[in-house]
Amino acid sequence: MALLDHLGISVLDLDRGKQQFHPVLTALGYTLGTEAPHGISWDNGDETELIIFERRAEADDLPHRHGDAGWQHLAFSVDSREEVDRLHAIAMEAGWKAVRDPKLYPRFSDRYYASFVEDDSGIRLEFMHNPPRD
C-alpha cells in the first residue's frame, strides 16, 4: 500500500491536461481511472493515484511559476537511462516543453541521469534514473 494515497494537481484546462498527462502516465504504467466533469484520475496498482483537476473559476489563468510557493516538481524513478530518454520523448510529443533535456547530474551523484519537463499549466515532472553503486 502506498503511503501517499493520491496526488491532486490543478491545471488550467482539463482537456489539455489530459492530452499532456495521459501519454506520459500510461507510459509509466498508469491506467485511466475516473473521468468526471472537473477531474480525471490515473491508477497504477498500489502506487499513488494521480488526479488532475481544472482550476477553480475564480482562480487566475496564469500557469504556476517554478520557484513560487507550492508545487516544485514530481520525480518518477525509472529503471534505465533509456527509459528516461523514452519518457522525455513521449512528453515532448504530448506537448510538454523541455526544461532540461536528459543528461547526467553529477552534483546529485555520478550516476544520476534525468530530464525535466513542464506542461502548459507550469507543472514540472522529472524522469530520473539513479542506480545504486555496485
N, C-alpha and C. Protein backbone atom coordinates (compact mmCIF):
# COMPACT_ATOMS: atom_id res chain seq x y z
N MET A 1 0.84 -1.18 0.00
CA MET A 1 0.00 0.00 0.00
C MET A 1 0.89 1.24 0.00
N ALA A 2 0.58 2.19 -0.88
CA ALA A 2 1.34 3.43 -0.97
C ALA A 2 1.07 4.30 0.27
N LEU A 3 2.10 4.91 0.80
CA LEU A 3 1.94 5.81 1.93
C LEU A 3 1.17 7.06 1.50
N LEU A 4 1.44 7.54 0.30
CA LEU A 4 0.74 8.68 -0.26
C LEU A 4 -0.39 8.14 -1.13
N ASP A 5 -1.62 8.31 -0.73
CA ASP A 5 -2.77 7.71 -1.41
C ASP A 5 -3.03 8.33 -2.78
N HIS A 6 -3.11 9.65 -2.85
CA HIS A 6 -3.37 10.30 -4.13
C HIS A 6 -2.76 11.69 -4.14
N LEU A 7 -2.52 12.18 -5.34
CA LEU A 7 -1.95 13.50 -5.52
C LEU A 7 -2.85 14.25 -6.49
N GLY A 8 -3.40 15.36 -6.06
CA GLY A 8 -4.26 16.19 -6.90
C GLY A 8 -3.49 17.37 -7.45
N ILE A 9 -3.62 17.59 -8.75
CA ILE A 9 -2.90 18.65 -9.43
C ILE A 9 -3.91 19.51 -10.17
N SER A 10 -3.91 20.81 -9.93
CA SER A 10 -4.81 21.72 -10.66
C SER A 10 -4.14 22.15 -11.95
N VAL A 11 -4.91 22.11 -13.04
CA VAL A 11 -4.42 22.52 -14.36
C VAL A 11 -5.31 23.63 -14.90
N LEU A 12 -4.78 24.38 -15.83
CA LEU A 12 -5.53 25.49 -16.42
C LEU A 12 -6.70 25.01 -17.25
N ASP A 13 -6.52 23.91 -17.98
CA ASP A 13 -7.55 23.40 -18.87
C ASP A 13 -7.56 21.87 -18.77
N LEU A 14 -8.68 21.29 -18.38
CA LEU A 14 -8.75 19.85 -18.13
C LEU A 14 -8.52 19.02 -19.40
N ASP A 15 -9.11 19.43 -20.52
CA ASP A 15 -8.90 18.67 -21.76
C ASP A 15 -7.44 18.69 -22.18
N ARG A 16 -6.83 19.86 -22.11
CA ARG A 16 -5.41 19.96 -22.47
C ARG A 16 -4.57 19.19 -21.46
N GLY A 17 -4.94 19.24 -20.20
CA GLY A 17 -4.24 18.47 -19.19
C GLY A 17 -4.25 16.98 -19.51
N LYS A 18 -5.40 16.48 -19.92
CA LYS A 18 -5.49 15.06 -20.29
C LYS A 18 -4.60 14.76 -21.48
N GLN A 19 -4.60 15.64 -22.48
CA GLN A 19 -3.76 15.44 -23.67
C GLN A 19 -2.29 15.35 -23.29
N GLN A 20 -1.89 16.12 -22.30
CA GLN A 20 -0.48 16.13 -21.91
C GLN A 20 -0.15 15.03 -20.90
N PHE A 21 -1.00 14.79 -19.92
CA PHE A 21 -0.70 13.81 -18.88
C PHE A 21 -0.92 12.36 -19.33
N HIS A 22 -1.95 12.10 -20.10
CA HIS A 22 -2.31 10.72 -20.42
C HIS A 22 -1.17 9.94 -21.09
N PRO A 23 -0.53 10.44 -22.14
CA PRO A 23 0.55 9.66 -22.76
C PRO A 23 1.71 9.38 -21.80
N VAL A 24 2.05 10.36 -20.98
CA VAL A 24 3.15 10.20 -20.03
C VAL A 24 2.79 9.18 -18.95
N LEU A 25 1.61 9.34 -18.36
CA LEU A 25 1.22 8.43 -17.27
C LEU A 25 1.01 7.00 -17.76
N THR A 26 0.44 6.81 -18.94
CA THR A 26 0.28 5.44 -19.45
C THR A 26 1.64 4.83 -19.76
N ALA A 27 2.59 5.64 -20.23
CA ALA A 27 3.95 5.13 -20.47
C ALA A 27 4.63 4.72 -19.16
N LEU A 28 4.21 5.32 -18.06
CA LEU A 28 4.73 4.96 -16.74
C LEU A 28 3.97 3.78 -16.11
N GLY A 29 2.98 3.26 -16.81
CA GLY A 29 2.24 2.10 -16.29
C GLY A 29 0.91 2.43 -15.64
N TYR A 30 0.50 3.68 -15.66
CA TYR A 30 -0.79 4.06 -15.10
C TYR A 30 -1.90 3.76 -16.10
N THR A 31 -3.09 3.54 -15.60
CA THR A 31 -4.27 3.37 -16.45
C THR A 31 -5.27 4.46 -16.08
N LEU A 32 -6.04 4.85 -17.09
CA LEU A 32 -7.05 5.88 -16.88
C LEU A 32 -8.08 5.36 -15.90
N GLY A 33 -8.39 6.17 -14.92
CA GLY A 33 -9.38 5.79 -13.91
C GLY A 33 -10.70 6.47 -14.18
N THR A 34 -11.06 7.41 -13.35
CA THR A 34 -12.33 8.11 -13.46
C THR A 34 -12.17 9.39 -14.26
N GLU A 35 -13.14 9.64 -15.14
CA GLU A 35 -13.22 10.93 -15.84
C GLU A 35 -14.52 11.58 -15.40
N ALA A 36 -14.40 12.68 -14.69
CA ALA A 36 -15.56 13.42 -14.20
C ALA A 36 -15.49 14.83 -14.80
N PRO A 37 -16.57 15.60 -14.70
CA PRO A 37 -16.57 16.94 -15.30
C PRO A 37 -15.45 17.85 -14.80
N HIS A 38 -14.97 17.65 -13.57
CA HIS A 38 -13.95 18.55 -13.03
C HIS A 38 -12.65 17.86 -12.66
N GLY A 39 -12.52 16.56 -13.01
CA GLY A 39 -11.29 15.86 -12.66
C GLY A 39 -11.12 14.55 -13.39
N ILE A 40 -9.86 14.16 -13.60
CA ILE A 40 -9.52 12.91 -14.28
C ILE A 40 -8.44 12.23 -13.45
N SER A 41 -8.58 10.91 -13.25
CA SER A 41 -7.60 10.20 -12.42
C SER A 41 -6.91 9.09 -13.21
N TRP A 42 -5.72 8.73 -12.74
CA TRP A 42 -4.97 7.60 -13.27
C TRP A 42 -4.49 6.76 -12.09
N ASP A 43 -4.55 5.44 -12.27
CA ASP A 43 -4.17 4.49 -11.22
C ASP A 43 -3.02 3.62 -11.70
N ASN A 44 -2.22 3.14 -10.74
CA ASN A 44 -1.12 2.24 -11.05
C ASN A 44 -0.94 1.27 -9.88
N GLY A 45 -1.88 0.35 -9.75
CA GLY A 45 -1.79 -0.65 -8.69
C GLY A 45 -1.74 0.00 -7.32
N ASP A 46 -0.71 -0.32 -6.56
CA ASP A 46 -0.56 0.22 -5.22
C ASP A 46 0.17 1.57 -5.19
N GLU A 47 0.54 2.08 -6.35
CA GLU A 47 1.20 3.38 -6.41
C GLU A 47 0.20 4.49 -6.10
N THR A 48 0.69 5.67 -5.90
CA THR A 48 -0.14 6.83 -5.63
C THR A 48 -1.01 7.16 -6.84
N GLU A 49 -2.31 7.33 -6.61
CA GLU A 49 -3.22 7.74 -7.68
C GLU A 49 -2.94 9.21 -8.01
N LEU A 50 -2.93 9.53 -9.30
CA LEU A 50 -2.75 10.91 -9.74
C LEU A 50 -4.05 11.43 -10.31
N ILE A 51 -4.43 12.63 -9.90
CA ILE A 51 -5.69 13.24 -10.34
C ILE A 51 -5.39 14.66 -10.80
N ILE A 52 -5.89 15.00 -11.99
CA ILE A 52 -5.82 16.40 -12.40
C ILE A 52 -7.21 17.01 -12.27
N PHE A 53 -7.24 18.23 -11.78
CA PHE A 53 -8.48 18.97 -11.59
C PHE A 53 -8.38 20.27 -12.39
N GLU A 54 -9.49 20.72 -12.94
CA GLU A 54 -9.49 22.03 -13.58
C GLU A 54 -9.46 23.09 -12.48
N ARG A 55 -8.72 24.14 -12.72
CA ARG A 55 -8.61 25.21 -11.73
C ARG A 55 -9.99 25.78 -11.41
N ARG A 56 -10.13 26.35 -10.25
CA ARG A 56 -11.38 26.99 -9.86
C ARG A 56 -11.67 28.16 -10.79
N ALA A 57 -12.93 28.44 -11.02
CA ALA A 57 -13.34 29.53 -11.91
C ALA A 57 -12.79 30.87 -11.45
N GLU A 58 -12.69 31.07 -10.14
CA GLU A 58 -12.23 32.38 -9.64
C GLU A 58 -10.70 32.48 -9.59
N ALA A 59 -9.99 31.39 -9.89
CA ALA A 59 -8.53 31.43 -9.88
C ALA A 59 -8.02 32.15 -11.13
N ASP A 60 -6.82 32.73 -11.03
CA ASP A 60 -6.27 33.40 -12.21
C ASP A 60 -5.92 32.36 -13.28
N ASP A 61 -5.70 32.81 -14.48
CA ASP A 61 -5.45 31.88 -15.57
C ASP A 61 -3.96 31.87 -15.96
N LEU A 62 -3.11 32.13 -14.98
CA LEU A 62 -1.67 32.10 -15.20
C LEU A 62 -1.11 30.74 -14.80
N PRO A 63 -0.16 30.22 -15.55
CA PRO A 63 0.44 28.95 -15.13
C PRO A 63 1.26 29.12 -13.86
N HIS A 64 1.44 28.02 -13.15
CA HIS A 64 2.31 28.03 -11.98
C HIS A 64 3.71 28.39 -12.43
N ARG A 65 4.41 29.15 -11.63
CA ARG A 65 5.78 29.52 -11.96
C ARG A 65 6.73 28.79 -11.02
N HIS A 66 7.61 28.02 -11.61
CA HIS A 66 8.59 27.25 -10.85
C HIS A 66 9.35 28.17 -9.90
N GLY A 67 9.45 27.78 -8.65
CA GLY A 67 10.13 28.58 -7.65
C GLY A 67 9.18 29.35 -6.76
N ASP A 68 7.93 29.53 -7.20
CA ASP A 68 6.93 30.15 -6.33
C ASP A 68 6.57 29.16 -5.22
N ALA A 69 5.95 29.65 -4.17
CA ALA A 69 5.50 28.75 -3.12
C ALA A 69 4.53 27.74 -3.70
N GLY A 70 4.59 26.52 -3.22
CA GLY A 70 3.71 25.46 -3.71
C GLY A 70 4.49 24.41 -4.47
N TRP A 71 3.90 23.96 -5.52
CA TRP A 71 4.46 22.86 -6.33
C TRP A 71 5.89 23.16 -6.76
N GLN A 72 6.78 22.16 -6.63
CA GLN A 72 8.15 22.28 -7.14
C GLN A 72 8.30 21.36 -8.34
N HIS A 73 8.31 20.05 -8.10
CA HIS A 73 8.24 19.08 -9.19
C HIS A 73 7.98 17.70 -8.62
N LEU A 74 7.54 16.80 -9.49
CA LEU A 74 7.29 15.41 -9.12
C LEU A 74 8.27 14.56 -9.90
N ALA A 75 9.07 13.75 -9.22
CA ALA A 75 10.09 12.93 -9.86
C ALA A 75 9.64 11.47 -9.94
N PHE A 76 9.75 10.91 -11.14
CA PHE A 76 9.46 9.50 -11.37
C PHE A 76 10.78 8.77 -11.55
N SER A 77 11.05 7.79 -10.69
CA SER A 77 12.25 6.97 -10.77
C SER A 77 12.00 5.82 -11.74
N VAL A 78 12.86 5.67 -12.74
CA VAL A 78 12.71 4.63 -13.75
C VAL A 78 13.96 3.76 -13.79
N ASP A 79 13.88 2.65 -14.53
CA ASP A 79 14.90 1.60 -14.47
C ASP A 79 16.15 1.81 -15.31
N SER A 80 16.16 2.80 -16.20
CA SER A 80 17.34 2.95 -17.07
C SER A 80 17.39 4.36 -17.66
N ARG A 81 18.56 4.69 -18.16
CA ARG A 81 18.71 5.96 -18.89
C ARG A 81 17.85 5.96 -20.14
N GLU A 82 17.78 4.80 -20.78
CA GLU A 82 16.96 4.69 -21.99
C GLU A 82 15.49 4.99 -21.68
N GLU A 83 15.04 4.59 -20.50
CA GLU A 83 13.65 4.87 -20.10
C GLU A 83 13.46 6.36 -19.84
N VAL A 84 14.45 7.02 -19.28
CA VAL A 84 14.39 8.48 -19.13
C VAL A 84 14.25 9.12 -20.50
N ASP A 85 15.08 8.69 -21.45
CA ASP A 85 15.04 9.24 -22.81
C ASP A 85 13.68 8.98 -23.46
N ARG A 86 13.14 7.77 -23.28
CA ARG A 86 11.86 7.40 -23.88
C ARG A 86 10.73 8.27 -23.32
N LEU A 87 10.68 8.41 -22.00
CA LEU A 87 9.63 9.21 -21.37
C LEU A 87 9.75 10.69 -21.75
N HIS A 88 10.97 11.17 -21.84
CA HIS A 88 11.18 12.55 -22.26
C HIS A 88 10.61 12.75 -23.68
N ALA A 89 10.88 11.83 -24.58
CA ALA A 89 10.38 11.93 -25.95
C ALA A 89 8.85 11.87 -25.99
N ILE A 90 8.25 11.00 -25.18
CA ILE A 90 6.79 10.90 -25.11
C ILE A 90 6.20 12.22 -24.62
N ALA A 91 6.81 12.79 -23.60
CA ALA A 91 6.33 14.07 -23.08
C ALA A 91 6.42 15.16 -24.15
N MET A 92 7.52 15.18 -24.89
CA MET A 92 7.68 16.20 -25.94
C MET A 92 6.58 16.04 -27.00
N GLU A 93 6.30 14.81 -27.38
CA GLU A 93 5.25 14.55 -28.37
C GLU A 93 3.87 14.95 -27.85
N ALA A 94 3.68 14.89 -26.53
CA ALA A 94 2.39 15.23 -25.92
C ALA A 94 2.25 16.73 -25.64
N GLY A 95 3.24 17.52 -26.01
CA GLY A 95 3.13 18.97 -25.85
C GLY A 95 3.80 19.56 -24.62
N TRP A 96 4.50 18.74 -23.82
CA TRP A 96 5.27 19.29 -22.71
C TRP A 96 6.46 20.04 -23.29
N LYS A 97 7.04 20.96 -22.54
CA LYS A 97 8.27 21.61 -23.00
C LYS A 97 9.43 21.12 -22.16
N ALA A 98 10.56 21.00 -22.80
CA ALA A 98 11.78 20.57 -22.10
C ALA A 98 12.30 21.71 -21.25
N VAL A 99 12.46 21.44 -19.97
CA VAL A 99 13.12 22.39 -19.08
C VAL A 99 14.61 22.06 -19.07
N ARG A 100 14.90 20.77 -18.98
CA ARG A 100 16.27 20.26 -19.08
C ARG A 100 16.21 18.93 -19.83
N ASP A 101 16.93 18.85 -20.94
CA ASP A 101 16.99 17.61 -21.71
C ASP A 101 17.71 16.54 -20.88
N PRO A 102 17.52 15.26 -21.24
CA PRO A 102 18.17 14.18 -20.48
C PRO A 102 19.69 14.34 -20.43
N LYS A 103 20.23 14.23 -19.23
CA LYS A 103 21.68 14.32 -19.04
C LYS A 103 22.05 13.83 -17.65
N LEU A 104 23.33 13.67 -17.43
CA LEU A 104 23.84 13.32 -16.10
C LEU A 104 23.84 14.56 -15.21
N TYR A 105 23.58 14.33 -13.93
CA TYR A 105 23.61 15.39 -12.92
C TYR A 105 24.60 15.00 -11.84
N PRO A 106 25.91 15.21 -12.10
CA PRO A 106 26.92 14.78 -11.12
C PRO A 106 26.83 15.51 -9.79
N ARG A 107 26.14 16.66 -9.76
CA ARG A 107 26.00 17.34 -8.46
C ARG A 107 25.12 16.54 -7.51
N PHE A 108 24.26 15.65 -8.06
CA PHE A 108 23.44 14.76 -7.23
C PHE A 108 24.19 13.47 -6.94
N SER A 109 24.71 12.83 -7.99
CA SER A 109 25.59 11.66 -7.89
C SER A 109 26.17 11.41 -9.27
N ASP A 110 27.23 10.63 -9.33
CA ASP A 110 27.86 10.36 -10.63
C ASP A 110 27.01 9.42 -11.48
N ARG A 111 25.89 8.93 -10.96
CA ARG A 111 25.00 8.01 -11.69
C ARG A 111 23.64 8.62 -11.98
N TYR A 112 23.39 9.83 -11.51
CA TYR A 112 22.06 10.45 -11.59
C TYR A 112 21.84 11.01 -12.99
N TYR A 113 20.90 10.39 -13.72
CA TYR A 113 20.57 10.78 -15.09
C TYR A 113 19.10 11.17 -15.10
N ALA A 114 18.78 12.36 -15.64
CA ALA A 114 17.40 12.83 -15.53
C ALA A 114 17.07 13.83 -16.63
N SER A 115 15.76 14.04 -16.79
CA SER A 115 15.24 15.12 -17.62
C SER A 115 14.09 15.77 -16.86
N PHE A 116 13.82 17.02 -17.20
CA PHE A 116 12.74 17.77 -16.59
C PHE A 116 11.87 18.35 -17.69
N VAL A 117 10.54 18.22 -17.53
CA VAL A 117 9.58 18.74 -18.49
C VAL A 117 8.51 19.53 -17.76
N GLU A 118 7.85 20.43 -18.49
CA GLU A 118 6.81 21.26 -17.89
C GLU A 118 5.62 21.34 -18.84
N ASP A 119 4.41 21.25 -18.29
CA ASP A 119 3.21 21.32 -19.12
C ASP A 119 2.72 22.76 -19.24
N ASP A 120 1.61 22.94 -19.93
CA ASP A 120 1.05 24.28 -20.16
C ASP A 120 0.66 24.99 -18.88
N SER A 121 0.38 24.22 -17.82
CA SER A 121 -0.04 24.80 -16.54
C SER A 121 1.14 25.09 -15.62
N GLY A 122 2.36 24.84 -16.10
CA GLY A 122 3.54 25.07 -15.28
C GLY A 122 3.87 23.93 -14.35
N ILE A 123 3.23 22.78 -14.55
CA ILE A 123 3.51 21.60 -13.73
C ILE A 123 4.79 20.95 -14.24
N ARG A 124 5.72 20.72 -13.35
CA ARG A 124 7.02 20.18 -13.74
C ARG A 124 7.16 18.74 -13.27
N LEU A 125 7.60 17.87 -14.19
CA LEU A 125 7.90 16.48 -13.89
C LEU A 125 9.37 16.22 -14.16
N GLU A 126 9.91 15.28 -13.41
CA GLU A 126 11.27 14.80 -13.64
C GLU A 126 11.20 13.31 -13.90
N PHE A 127 11.95 12.83 -14.88
CA PHE A 127 12.15 11.41 -15.11
C PHE A 127 13.61 11.16 -14.76
N MET A 128 13.86 10.26 -13.81
CA MET A 128 15.23 10.09 -13.32
C MET A 128 15.61 8.63 -13.13
N HIS A 129 16.89 8.37 -13.31
CA HIS A 129 17.47 7.04 -13.05
C HIS A 129 18.72 7.27 -12.22
N ASN A 130 18.76 6.65 -11.04
CA ASN A 130 19.89 6.78 -10.14
C ASN A 130 20.18 5.41 -9.53
N PRO A 131 20.87 4.55 -10.29
CA PRO A 131 21.11 3.20 -9.78
C PRO A 131 22.04 3.20 -8.58
N PRO A 132 21.92 2.17 -7.74
CA PRO A 132 22.83 2.09 -6.59
C PRO A 132 24.26 1.81 -7.06
N ARG A 133 25.20 2.16 -6.23
CA ARG A 133 26.61 1.83 -6.54
C ARG A 133 26.79 0.33 -6.53
N ASP A 134 27.68 -0.15 -7.38
CA ASP A 134 28.00 -1.59 -7.40
C ASP A 134 28.73 -2.00 -6.15
